[in-house]
C-alpha atoms as a PDB file:
ATOM      1  CA  UNK A   1      79.672 105.803 110.987  1.00  0.00           C
ATOM      2  CA  UNK A   2      77.109 108.490 112.045  1.00  0.00           C
ATOM      3  CA  UNK A   3      74.744 108.204 109.277  1.00  0.00           C
ATOM      4  CA  UNK A   4      74.783 103.757 110.582  1.00  0.00           C
ATOM      5  CA  UNK A   5      74.167 104.992 114.231  1.00  0.00           C
ATOM      6  CA  UNK A   6      70.771 107.073 113.005  1.00  0.00           C
ATOM      7  CA  UNK A   7      69.475 104.385 111.226  1.00  0.00           C
ATOM      8  CA  UNK A   8      70.509 101.932 114.042  1.00  0.00           C
ATOM      9  CA  UNK A   9      68.554 103.898 116.504  1.00  0.00           C
ATOM     10  CA  UNK A  10      66.272 104.128 114.168  1.00  0.00           C
ATOM     11  CA  UNK A  11      65.072 100.689 113.448  1.00  0.00           C
ATOM     12  CA  UNK A  12      65.117 100.395 117.545  1.00  0.00           C
ATOM     13  CA  UNK A  13      62.350 103.481 117.571  1.00  0.00           C
ATOM     14  CA  UNK A  14      60.455 101.563 114.707  1.00  0.00           C
ATOM     15  CA  UNK A  15      60.534  98.053 115.962  1.00  0.00           C
ATOM     16  CA  UNK A  16      57.525  97.966 118.080  1.00  0.00           C
ATOM     17  CA  UNK A  17      55.781  98.955 115.438  1.00  0.00           C
ATOM     18  CA  UNK A  18      57.383  96.852 112.350  1.00  0.00           C
ATOM     19  CA  UNK A  19      58.453  93.586 111.913  1.00  0.00           C
ATOM     20  CA  UNK A  20      60.004  92.061 115.564  1.00  0.00           C
ATOM     21  CA  UNK A  21      64.016  92.753 115.327  1.00  0.00           C
ATOM     22  CA  UNK A  22      66.003  88.866 115.947  1.00  0.00           C
ATOM     23  CA  UNK A  23      69.271  90.393 116.537  1.00  0.00           C
ATOM     24  CA  UNK A  24      70.493  91.582 119.822  1.00  0.00           C
ATOM     25  CA  UNK A  25      71.922  95.146 120.500  1.00  0.00           C
ATOM     26  CA  UNK A  26      74.997  94.117 120.716  1.00  0.00           C
ATOM     27  CA  UNK A  27      75.612  92.261 117.322  1.00  0.00           C
ATOM     28  CA  UNK A  28      73.517  95.431 115.597  1.00  0.00           C
ATOM     29  CA  UNK A  29      76.434  97.330 117.382  1.00  0.00           C
ATOM     30  CA  UNK A  30      78.986  95.509 115.876  1.00  0.00           C
ATOM     31  CA  UNK A  31      77.803  94.787 112.146  1.00  0.00           C
ATOM     32  CA  UNK A  32      77.844  98.718 112.462  1.00  0.00           C
ATOM     33  CA  UNK A  33      81.352  99.024 113.425  1.00  0.00           C
ATOM     34  CA  UNK A  34      81.753  96.424 110.468  1.00  0.00           C
ATOM     35  CA  UNK A  35      80.218  97.457 107.898  1.00  0.00           C
ATOM     36  CA  UNK A  36      81.785 101.147 109.017  1.00  0.00           C
ATOM     37  CA  UNK A  37      85.568  99.250 108.764  1.00  0.00           C
ATOM     38  CA  UNK A  38      84.368  97.429 104.801  1.00  0.00           C
ATOM     39  CA  UNK A  39      83.753 101.150 103.768  1.00  0.00           C
ATOM     40  CA  UNK A  40      87.057 102.475 104.831  1.00  0.00           C
ATOM     41  CA  UNK A  41      88.974  99.280 103.124  1.00  0.00           C
ATOM     42  CA  UNK A  42      92.287  99.211 103.114  1.00  0.00           C
ATOM     43  CA  UNK A  43      92.523 103.409 102.744  1.00  0.00           C
ATOM     44  CA  UNK A  44      95.277 103.898 105.430  1.00  0.00           C
ATOM     45  CA  UNK A  45      97.862 100.902 104.359  1.00  0.00           C
ATOM     46  CA  UNK A  46      98.639 102.320 100.551  1.00  0.00           C
ATOM     47  CA  UNK A  47     100.996  99.458 100.165  1.00  0.00           C
ATOM     48  CA  UNK A  48      98.953  96.417 101.169  1.00  0.00           C
ATOM     49  CA  UNK A  49      99.950  94.834  98.300  1.00  0.00           C
ATOM     50  CA  UNK A  50     103.623  94.818  98.700  1.00  0.00           C
ATOM     51  CA  UNK A  51     103.597  93.552 102.134  1.00  0.00           C
ATOM     52  CA  UNK A  52     105.573  90.404 103.147  1.00  0.00           C
ATOM     53  CA  UNK A  53     103.564  89.372 106.029  1.00  0.00           C
ATOM     54  CA  UNK A  54     100.699  89.129 103.284  1.00  0.00           C
ATOM     55  CA  UNK A  55      98.909  85.398 103.270  1.00  0.00           C
ATOM     56  CA  UNK A  56      99.544  83.690 100.416  1.00  0.00           C
ATOM     57  CA  UNK A  57      97.185  82.090  99.671  1.00  0.00           C
ATOM     58  CA  UNK A  58      94.742  84.430  99.411  1.00  0.00           C
ATOM     59  CA  UNK A  59      94.076  85.967  95.815  1.00  0.00           C
ATOM     60  CA  UNK A  60      95.183  89.996  95.691  1.00  0.00           C
ATOM     61  CA  UNK A  61      91.532  90.384  95.098  1.00  0.00           C
ATOM     62  CA  UNK A  62      90.909  89.519  98.252  1.00  0.00           C
ATOM     63  CA  UNK A  63      93.124  91.739 100.312  1.00  0.00           C
ATOM     64  CA  UNK A  64      91.548  95.579  99.753  1.00  0.00           C
ATOM     65  CA  UNK A  65      89.530  95.453 103.446  1.00  0.00           C
ATOM     66  CA  UNK A  66      86.186  96.128 101.102  1.00  0.00           C
ATOM     67  CA  UNK A  67      83.242  93.633 101.689  1.00  0.00           C
ATOM     68  CA  UNK A  68      84.113  90.276 100.302  1.00  0.00           C
ATOM     69  CA  UNK A  69      87.474  91.267  99.635  1.00  0.00           C
ATOM     70  CA  UNK A  70      86.454  94.114  96.568  1.00  0.00           C
ATOM     71  CA  UNK A  71      83.143  94.481  96.345  1.00  0.00           C
ATOM     72  CA  UNK A  72      82.724  98.689  96.844  1.00  0.00           C
ATOM     73  CA  UNK A  73      79.584  99.101  98.356  1.00  0.00           C
ATOM     74  CA  UNK A  74      76.814 102.093  97.973  1.00  0.00           C
ATOM     75  CA  UNK A  75      75.269 104.452 101.045  1.00  0.00           C
ATOM     76  CA  UNK A  76      72.033 102.900  99.877  1.00  0.00           C
ATOM     77  CA  UNK A  77      73.414  99.197  99.900  1.00  0.00           C
ATOM     78  CA  UNK A  78      75.371  99.757 103.577  1.00  0.00           C
ATOM     79  CA  UNK A  79      71.791 100.546 105.048  1.00  0.00           C
ATOM     80  CA  UNK A  80      69.866  98.195 102.787  1.00  0.00           C
ATOM     81  CA  UNK A  81      72.602  95.209 104.609  1.00  0.00           C
ATOM     82  CA  UNK A  82      71.834  96.990 108.265  1.00  0.00           C
ATOM     83  CA  UNK A  83      67.988  96.451 108.074  1.00  0.00           C
ATOM     84  CA  UNK A  84      68.236  93.366 106.346  1.00  0.00           C
ATOM     85  CA  UNK A  85      70.619  91.817 109.423  1.00  0.00           C
ATOM     86  CA  UNK A  86      68.713  93.476 112.097  1.00  0.00           C
ATOM     87  CA  UNK A  87      65.984  91.985 110.725  1.00  0.00           C
ATOM     88  CA  UNK A  88      67.892  88.432 110.635  1.00  0.00           C
ATOM     89  CA  UNK A  89      67.913  87.836 107.349  1.00  0.00           C
ATOM     90  CA  UNK A  90      71.073  85.297 106.193  1.00  0.00           C
ATOM     91  CA  UNK A  91      71.221  86.676 102.265  1.00  0.00           C
ATOM     92  CA  UNK A  92      71.152  89.991 101.355  1.00  0.00           C
ATOM     93  CA  UNK A  93      69.982  92.004  98.290  1.00  0.00           C
ATOM     94  CA  UNK A  94      71.581  95.438  96.466  1.00  0.00           C
ATOM     95  CA  UNK A  95      68.808  97.974  95.222  1.00  0.00           C
ATOM     96  CA  UNK A  96      68.964  99.571  91.146  1.00  0.00           C
ATOM     97  CA  UNK A  97      71.462  98.042  90.059  1.00  0.00           C
ATOM     98  CA  UNK A  98      70.847  97.386  85.796  1.00  0.00           C
ATOM     99  CA  UNK A  99      72.782  96.487  82.805  1.00  0.00           C
ATOM    100  CA  UNK A 100      74.938  98.870  81.760  1.00  0.00           C
ATOM    101  CA  UNK A 101      72.955 101.090  78.635  1.00  0.00           C
ATOM    102  CA  UNK A 102      73.579 100.089  75.025  1.00  0.00           C
ATOM    103  CA  UNK A 103      75.529  97.317  76.165  1.00  0.00           C
ATOM    104  CA  UNK A 104      78.020 100.038  76.633  1.00  0.00           C
ATOM    105  CA  UNK A 105      80.713 100.128  79.441  1.00  0.00           C
ATOM    106  CA  UNK A 106      82.010 104.049  79.252  1.00  0.00           C
ATOM    107  CA  UNK A 107      85.704 103.917  81.361  1.00  0.00           C
ATOM    108  CA  UNK A 108      88.443 106.106  82.082  1.00  0.00           C
ATOM    109  CA  UNK A 109      92.198 105.824  82.924  1.00  0.00           C
ATOM    110  CA  UNK A 110      93.117 108.271  85.763  1.00  0.00           C
ATOM    111  CA  UNK A 111      95.884 110.277  85.005  1.00  0.00           C
ATOM    112  CA  UNK A 112      99.356 108.540  85.390  1.00  0.00           C
ATOM    113  CA  UNK A 113      97.761 105.548  86.989  1.00  0.00           C
ATOM    114  CA  UNK A 114      99.344 103.054  85.091  1.00  0.00           C
ATOM    115  CA  UNK A 115     102.014 102.143  82.617  1.00  0.00           C
ATOM    116  CA  UNK A 116     102.479 101.125  78.866  1.00  0.00           C
ATOM    117  CA  UNK A 117     102.948  97.683  79.536  1.00  0.00           C
ATOM    118  CA  UNK A 118      99.908  98.035  82.377  1.00  0.00           C
ATOM    119  CA  UNK A 119      97.452  99.764  80.817  1.00  0.00           C
ATOM    120  CA  UNK A 120      97.864  97.447  77.454  1.00  0.00           C
ATOM    121  CA  UNK A 121      96.400  94.497  80.275  1.00  0.00           C
ATOM    122  CA  UNK A 122      93.699  96.137  80.991  1.00  0.00           C
ATOM    123  CA  UNK A 123      93.090  96.545  77.436  1.00  0.00           C
ATOM    124  CA  UNK A 124      93.597  92.982  76.933  1.00  0.00           C
ATOM    125  CA  UNK A 125      91.042  91.939  79.528  1.00  0.00           C
ATOM    126  CA  UNK A 126      88.162  94.543  77.507  1.00  0.00           C
ATOM    127  CA  UNK A 127      89.433  92.957  74.017  1.00  0.00           C
ATOM    128  CA  UNK A 128      88.818  89.315  75.783  1.00  0.00           C
ATOM    129  CA  UNK A 129      85.459  90.656  77.052  1.00  0.00           C
ATOM    130  CA  UNK A 130      84.254  92.078  73.902  1.00  0.00           C
ATOM    131  CA  UNK A 131      85.617  88.557  71.907  1.00  0.00           C
ATOM    132  CA  UNK A 132      83.541  86.660  73.731  1.00  0.00           C
ATOM    133  CA  UNK A 133      80.397  88.598  74.923  1.00  0.00           C
ATOM    134  CA  UNK A 134      77.963  91.571  73.191  1.00  0.00           C
ATOM    135  CA  UNK A 135      79.289  94.155  75.739  1.00  0.00           C
ATOM    136  CA  UNK A 136      81.028  96.912  74.205  1.00  0.00           C
ATOM    137  CA  UNK A 137      83.907  99.361  75.930  1.00  0.00           C
ATOM    138  CA  UNK A 138      84.717 102.942  74.809  1.00  0.00           C
ATOM    139  CA  UNK A 139      86.334 105.047  76.117  1.00  0.00           C
ATOM    140  CA  UNK A 140      84.691 108.579  78.063  1.00  0.00           C
ATOM    141  CA  UNK A 141      83.799 111.540  76.357  1.00  0.00           C
ATOM    142  CA  UNK A 142      82.916 115.166  78.293  1.00  0.00           C
ATOM    143  CA  UNK A 143      79.348 114.205  78.130  1.00  0.00           C
ATOM    144  CA  UNK A 144      79.470 111.346  80.150  1.00  0.00           C
ATOM    145  CA  UNK A 145      78.651 111.575  83.842  1.00  0.00           C
ATOM    146  CA  UNK A 146      78.381 107.594  84.206  1.00  0.00           C
ATOM    147  CA  UNK A 147      81.192 105.780  83.602  1.00  0.00           C
ATOM    148  CA  UNK A 148      83.476 104.209  85.484  1.00  0.00           C
ATOM    149  CA  UNK A 149      87.509 105.386  86.422  1.00  0.00           C
ATOM    150  CA  UNK A 150      90.415 102.964  86.736  1.00  0.00           C
ATOM    151  CA  UNK A 151      92.677 103.720  89.345  1.00  0.00           C
ATOM    152  CA  UNK A 152      95.520 101.619  90.010  1.00  0.00           C
ATOM    153  CA  UNK A 153      96.595 102.704  94.042  1.00  0.00           C
ATOM    154  CA  UNK A 154      98.134 100.167  95.205  1.00  0.00           C
ATOM    155  CA  UNK A 155      95.634  99.381  98.646  1.00  0.00           C
ATOM    156  CA  UNK A 156      94.351  95.721  96.489  1.00  0.00           C
ATOM    157  CA  UNK A 157      91.903  95.177  93.361  1.00  0.00           C
ATOM    158  CA  UNK A 158      88.263  96.358  93.754  1.00  0.00           C
ATOM    159  CA  UNK A 159      85.553  97.756  92.531  1.00  0.00           C
ATOM    160  CA  UNK A 160      81.606  98.612  92.376  1.00  0.00           C
ATOM    161  CA  UNK A 161      79.116  96.028  91.118  1.00  0.00           C
ATOM    162  CA  UNK A 162      76.894  96.826  88.546  1.00  0.00           C
ATOM    163  CA  UNK A 163      75.772 100.372  86.995  1.00  0.00           C
ATOM    164  CA  UNK A 164      73.763 102.655  88.869  1.00  0.00           C
ATOM    165  CA  UNK A 165      72.874 106.182  86.760  1.00  0.00           C
ATOM    166  CA  UNK A 166      72.708 108.052  89.942  1.00  0.00           C
ATOM    167  CA  UNK A 167      76.245 106.454  90.978  1.00  0.00           C
ATOM    168  CA  UNK A 168      78.227 108.496  88.411  1.00  0.00           C
ATOM    169  CA  UNK A 169      81.713 107.649  88.801  1.00  0.00           C
ATOM    170  CA  UNK A 170      82.131 104.073  89.122  1.00  0.00           C
ATOM    171  CA  UNK A 171      85.581 102.882  91.233  1.00  0.00           C
ATOM    172  CA  UNK A 172      87.170 100.112  89.639  1.00  0.00           C
ATOM    173  CA  UNK A 173      90.955  99.946  91.069  1.00  0.00           C
ATOM    174  CA  UNK A 174      93.710  97.133  89.719  1.00  0.00           C
ATOM    175  CA  UNK A 175      96.261  97.739  92.542  1.00  0.00           C
ATOM    176  CA  UNK A 176      99.755  98.526  90.015  1.00  0.00           C
ATOM    177  CA  UNK A 177     101.596  95.448  89.551  1.00  0.00           C
ATOM    178  CA  UNK A 178     103.959  93.647  87.188  1.00  0.00           C
ATOM    179  CA  UNK A 179     102.000  92.214  84.356  1.00  0.00           C
ATOM    180  CA  UNK A 180     100.675  88.229  85.299  1.00  0.00           C
ATOM    181  CA  UNK A 181     101.103  89.518  89.041  1.00  0.00           C
ATOM    182  CA  UNK A 182      98.399  90.009  91.387  1.00  0.00           C
ATOM    183  CA  UNK A 183      95.750  92.705  90.155  1.00  0.00           C
ATOM    184  CA  UNK A 184      97.795  92.403  86.968  1.00  0.00           C
ATOM    185  CA  UNK A 185      96.585  88.613  86.679  1.00  0.00           C
ATOM    186  CA  UNK A 186      94.264  88.500  83.415  1.00  0.00           C
ATOM    187  CA  UNK A 187      91.549  86.746  84.514  1.00  0.00           C
ATOM    188  CA  UNK A 188      92.038  89.128  87.620  1.00  0.00           C
ATOM    189  CA  UNK A 189      91.153  92.161  85.856  1.00  0.00           C
ATOM    190  CA  UNK A 190      88.174  90.786  84.031  1.00  0.00           C
ATOM    191  CA  UNK A 191      87.549  89.395  87.370  1.00  0.00           C
ATOM    192  CA  UNK A 192      86.663  93.294  88.322  1.00  0.00           C
ATOM    193  CA  UNK A 193      85.425  93.989  85.049  1.00  0.00           C
ATOM    194  CA  UNK A 194      82.511  91.245  86.130  1.00  0.00           C
ATOM    195  CA  UNK A 195      81.642  92.810  89.224  1.00  0.00           C
ATOM    196  CA  UNK A 196      81.716  96.031  86.954  1.00  0.00           C
ATOM    197  CA  UNK A 197      79.018  94.862  84.696  1.00  0.00           C
ATOM    198  CA  UNK A 198      76.816  93.483  87.589  1.00  0.00           C
ATOM    199  CA  UNK A 199      78.197  90.132  89.229  1.00  0.00           C
ATOM    200  CA  UNK A 200      79.041  89.357  92.374  1.00  0.00           C
ATOM    201  CA  UNK A 201      80.987  86.170  93.799  1.00  0.00           C
ATOM    202  CA  UNK A 202      80.371  82.647  92.585  1.00  0.00           C
ATOM    203  CA  UNK A 203      80.516  81.186  95.888  1.00  0.00           C
ATOM    204  CA  UNK A 204      77.620  84.071  97.169  1.00  0.00           C
ATOM    205  CA  UNK A 205      74.999  82.754  94.856  1.00  0.00           C
ATOM    206  CA  UNK A 206      71.850  81.803  96.687  1.00  0.00           C
ATOM    207  CA  UNK A 207      71.916  78.089  96.398  1.00  0.00           C
ATOM    208  CA  UNK A 208      75.793  77.838  96.830  1.00  0.00           C
ATOM    209  CA  UNK A 209      74.896  75.242  99.901  1.00  0.00           C
ATOM    210  CA  UNK A 210      73.866  72.835  97.408  1.00  0.00           C
ATOM    211  CA  UNK A 211      77.564  73.116  96.388  1.00  0.00           C
ATOM    212  CA  UNK A 212      79.837  74.341  98.595  1.00  0.00           C
ATOM    213  CA  UNK A 213      80.366  73.842 102.359  1.00  0.00           C
ATOM    214  CA  UNK A 214      81.594  76.394 104.791  1.00  0.00           C
ATOM    215  CA  UNK A 215      84.036  75.997 107.402  1.00  0.00           C
ATOM    216  CA  UNK A 216      82.913  78.470 109.806  1.00  0.00           C
ATOM    217  CA  UNK A 217      85.738  77.521 112.413  1.00  0.00           C
ATOM    218  CA  UNK A 218      88.398  78.076 109.385  1.00  0.00           C
ATOM    219  CA  UNK A 219      87.597  81.282 108.935  1.00  0.00           C
ATOM    220  CA  UNK A 220      89.795  84.592 110.223  1.00  0.00           C
ATOM    221  CA  UNK A 221      87.942  85.962 112.983  1.00  0.00           C
ATOM    222  CA  UNK A 222      86.700  89.037 111.522  1.00  0.00           C
ATOM    223  CA  UNK A 223      86.206  88.247 107.624  1.00  0.00           C
ATOM    224  CA  UNK A 224      83.219  85.647 108.143  1.00  0.00           C
ATOM    225  CA  UNK A 225      81.079  88.629 106.326  1.00  0.00           C
ATOM    226  CA  UNK A 226      82.923  87.281 102.774  1.00  0.00           C
ATOM    227  CA  UNK A 227      80.945  84.266 102.981  1.00  0.00           C
ATOM    228  CA  UNK A 228      77.582  85.688 103.535  1.00  0.00           C
ATOM    229  CA  UNK A 229      75.362  85.663 100.272  1.00  0.00           C
ATOM    230  CA  UNK A 230      72.967  87.641  98.225  1.00  0.00           C
ATOM    231  CA  UNK A 231      69.556  86.196  97.305  1.00  0.00           C
ATOM    232  CA  UNK A 232      68.421  84.976  93.940  1.00  0.00           C
ATOM    233  CA  UNK A 233      67.042  88.200  92.964  1.00  0.00           C
ATOM    234  CA  UNK A 234      70.482  90.201  93.071  1.00  0.00           C
ATOM    235  CA  UNK A 235      72.778  86.587  91.836  1.00  0.00           C
ATOM    236  CA  UNK A 236      70.598  85.295  89.335  1.00  0.00           C
ATOM    237  CA  UNK A 237      72.834  82.530  87.646  1.00  0.00           C
ATOM    238  CA  UNK A 238      70.257  82.635  84.436  1.00  0.00           C
ATOM    239  CA  UNK A 239      70.433  79.049  84.433  1.00  0.00           C
ATOM    240  CA  UNK A 240      73.873  78.193  84.175  1.00  0.00           C
ATOM    241  CA  UNK A 241      75.542  75.477  86.309  1.00  0.00           C
ATOM    242  CA  UNK A 242      77.440  76.118  89.462  1.00  0.00           C
ATOM    243  CA  UNK A 243      81.122  77.376  88.504  1.00  0.00           C
ATOM    244  CA  UNK A 244      83.761  75.933  90.999  1.00  0.00           C
ATOM    245  CA  UNK A 245      86.589  77.193  88.607  1.00  0.00           C
ATOM    246  CA  UNK A 246      84.877  80.270  87.656  1.00  0.00           C
ATOM    247  CA  UNK A 247      87.710  82.971  87.820  1.00  0.00           C
ATOM    248  CA  UNK A 248      84.388  84.816  90.044  1.00  0.00           C
ATOM    249  CA  UNK A 249      85.121  81.966  92.692  1.00  0.00           C
ATOM    250  CA  UNK A 250      87.275  82.282  96.101  1.00  0.00           C
ATOM    251  CA  UNK A 251      89.749  80.017  96.465  1.00  0.00           C
ATOM    252  CA  UNK A 252      89.352  77.397  98.884  1.00  0.00           C
ATOM    253  CA  UNK A 253      91.562  78.317 101.651  1.00  0.00           C
ATOM    254  CA  UNK A 254      89.848  82.460 101.710  1.00  0.00           C
ATOM    255  CA  UNK A 255      90.449  83.959 104.606  1.00  0.00           C
ATOM    256  CA  UNK A 256      91.617  81.202 106.693  1.00  0.00           C
ATOM    257  CA  UNK A 257      92.988  81.375 109.787  1.00  0.00           C
ATOM    258  CA  UNK A 258      94.612  77.985 110.380  1.00  0.00           C
ATOM    259  CA  UNK A 259      95.818  77.244 107.031  1.00  0.00           C
ATOM    260  CA  UNK A 260      92.766  74.293 106.757  1.00  0.00           C
ATOM    261  CA  UNK A 261      90.576  75.098 103.850  1.00  0.00           C
ATOM    262  CA  UNK A 262      87.119  77.429 104.201  1.00  0.00           C
ATOM    263  CA  UNK A 263      85.130  76.335 101.192  1.00  0.00           C
ATOM    264  CA  UNK A 264      85.004  72.486 100.569  1.00  0.00           C
ATOM    265  CA  UNK A 265      83.785  71.647  97.043  1.00  0.00           C
ATOM    266  CA  UNK A 266      80.667  68.935  97.517  1.00  0.00           C
ATOM    267  CA  UNK A 267      81.238  67.235  93.985  1.00  0.00           C
ATOM    268  CA  UNK A 268      83.996  66.510  91.910  1.00  0.00           C
ATOM    269  CA  UNK A 269      85.194  69.056  89.290  1.00  0.00           C
ATOM    270  CA  UNK A 270      87.781  69.414  87.277  1.00  0.00           C
ATOM    271  CA  UNK A 271      90.677  72.284  87.884  1.00  0.00           C
ATOM    272  CA  UNK A 272      91.497  74.894  90.765  1.00  0.00           C
ATOM    273  CA  UNK A 273      89.081  76.372  92.298  1.00  0.00           C
ATOM    274  CA  UNK A 274      89.730  79.968  92.980  1.00  0.00           C
ATOM    275  CA  UNK A 275      91.857  79.957  89.900  1.00  0.00           C
ATOM    276  CA  UNK A 276      93.236  82.961  87.646  1.00  0.00           C
ATOM    277  CA  UNK A 277      94.661  82.183  85.284  1.00  0.00           C
ATOM    278  CA  UNK A 278      91.901  81.991  82.469  1.00  0.00           C
ATOM    279  CA  UNK A 279      87.890  82.674  82.232  1.00  0.00           C
ATOM    280  CA  UNK A 280      85.163  79.982  81.519  1.00  0.00           C
ATOM    281  CA  UNK A 281      83.254  79.234  79.053  1.00  0.00           C
ATOM    282  CA  UNK A 282      80.742  79.703  82.257  1.00  0.00           C
ATOM    283  CA  UNK A 283      81.592  82.544  83.098  1.00  0.00           C
ATOM    284  CA  UNK A 284      81.094  83.931  79.254  1.00  0.00           C
ATOM    285  CA  UNK A 285      78.088  82.827  78.648  1.00  0.00           C
ATOM    286  CA  UNK A 286      76.734  84.531  82.374  1.00  0.00           C
ATOM    287  CA  UNK A 287      77.752  87.829  80.809  1.00  0.00           C
ATOM    288  CA  UNK A 288      76.021  86.756  77.630  1.00  0.00           C
ATOM    289  CA  UNK A 289      72.693  85.945  79.267  1.00  0.00           C
ATOM    290  CA  UNK A 290      72.701  88.992  81.623  1.00  0.00           C
ATOM    291  CA  UNK A 291      72.935  91.223  78.619  1.00  0.00           C
ATOM    292  CA  UNK A 292      70.573  89.316  76.605  1.00  0.00           C
ATOM    293  CA  UNK A 293      73.277  89.125  74.157  1.00  0.00           C
ATOM    294  CA  UNK A 294      72.327  86.774  70.696  1.00  0.00           C
ATOM    295  CA  UNK A 295      72.861  83.511  71.076  1.00  0.00           C
ATOM    296  CA  UNK A 296      73.251  83.264  74.499  1.00  0.00           C
ATOM    297  CA  UNK A 297      69.961  81.501  75.712  1.00  0.00           C
ATOM    298  CA  UNK A 298      69.911  78.406  72.352  1.00  0.00           C
END
């Protein structure tokens, strides 16, 4: 909180010399509190996935208390978001996110995090990605400073977005569960790996308003920022059509306060929005184009 407060004071101090601040002092203070809250996530509620009071309409990756449910941000992301919010932007950007070097993701399992069935489910998701894309995975060696550490804390599914050498240890957490349930649904595991590969949620694309309506009055108070969008430089579609059934799309009732939809499609489509049973062909195509895989642009 202190770092955000200092940044806030700096912004106010520079207001007269820089771009005009278009948010009120109260709005900026509330946004600072929001950023501080999502930075902590649900770390103080380690058994969140087992609590019977959780809304049944939400996917497990929407419950960790992180940004947009399951995205782990770095300090530079928080500072950039605060600056952009203060200046009135309605789309956020991130910096220094790149693809994994040589299209190879380095990873390790946290010690005693998973049983054999759970490890096999994660390895199955890795095999699926390798089968459909040119991305490869290998286990961490002692000389690897930048890598993904896969943990099993039972406070949700969440991960960093993309590769940053300066980050060192990249976070990916899959709340332990029965294989096929919660964070251990196949497409949910791939969903988190797609964040690691550099993707944010489908509904946050800069042109999403051409495809869905966000029904703000149905959104639970305090979760409105889960429907923020990124600018095109951060979330690039690579010429791939909007995908209502992508394993990265929110469900229609995400963060609903009353059971009514928060996301309403503007076009007809086949399938279920927010499904986590399979990875779509368009999901695979986005990965292949993001990593410039052979044949991806044919």
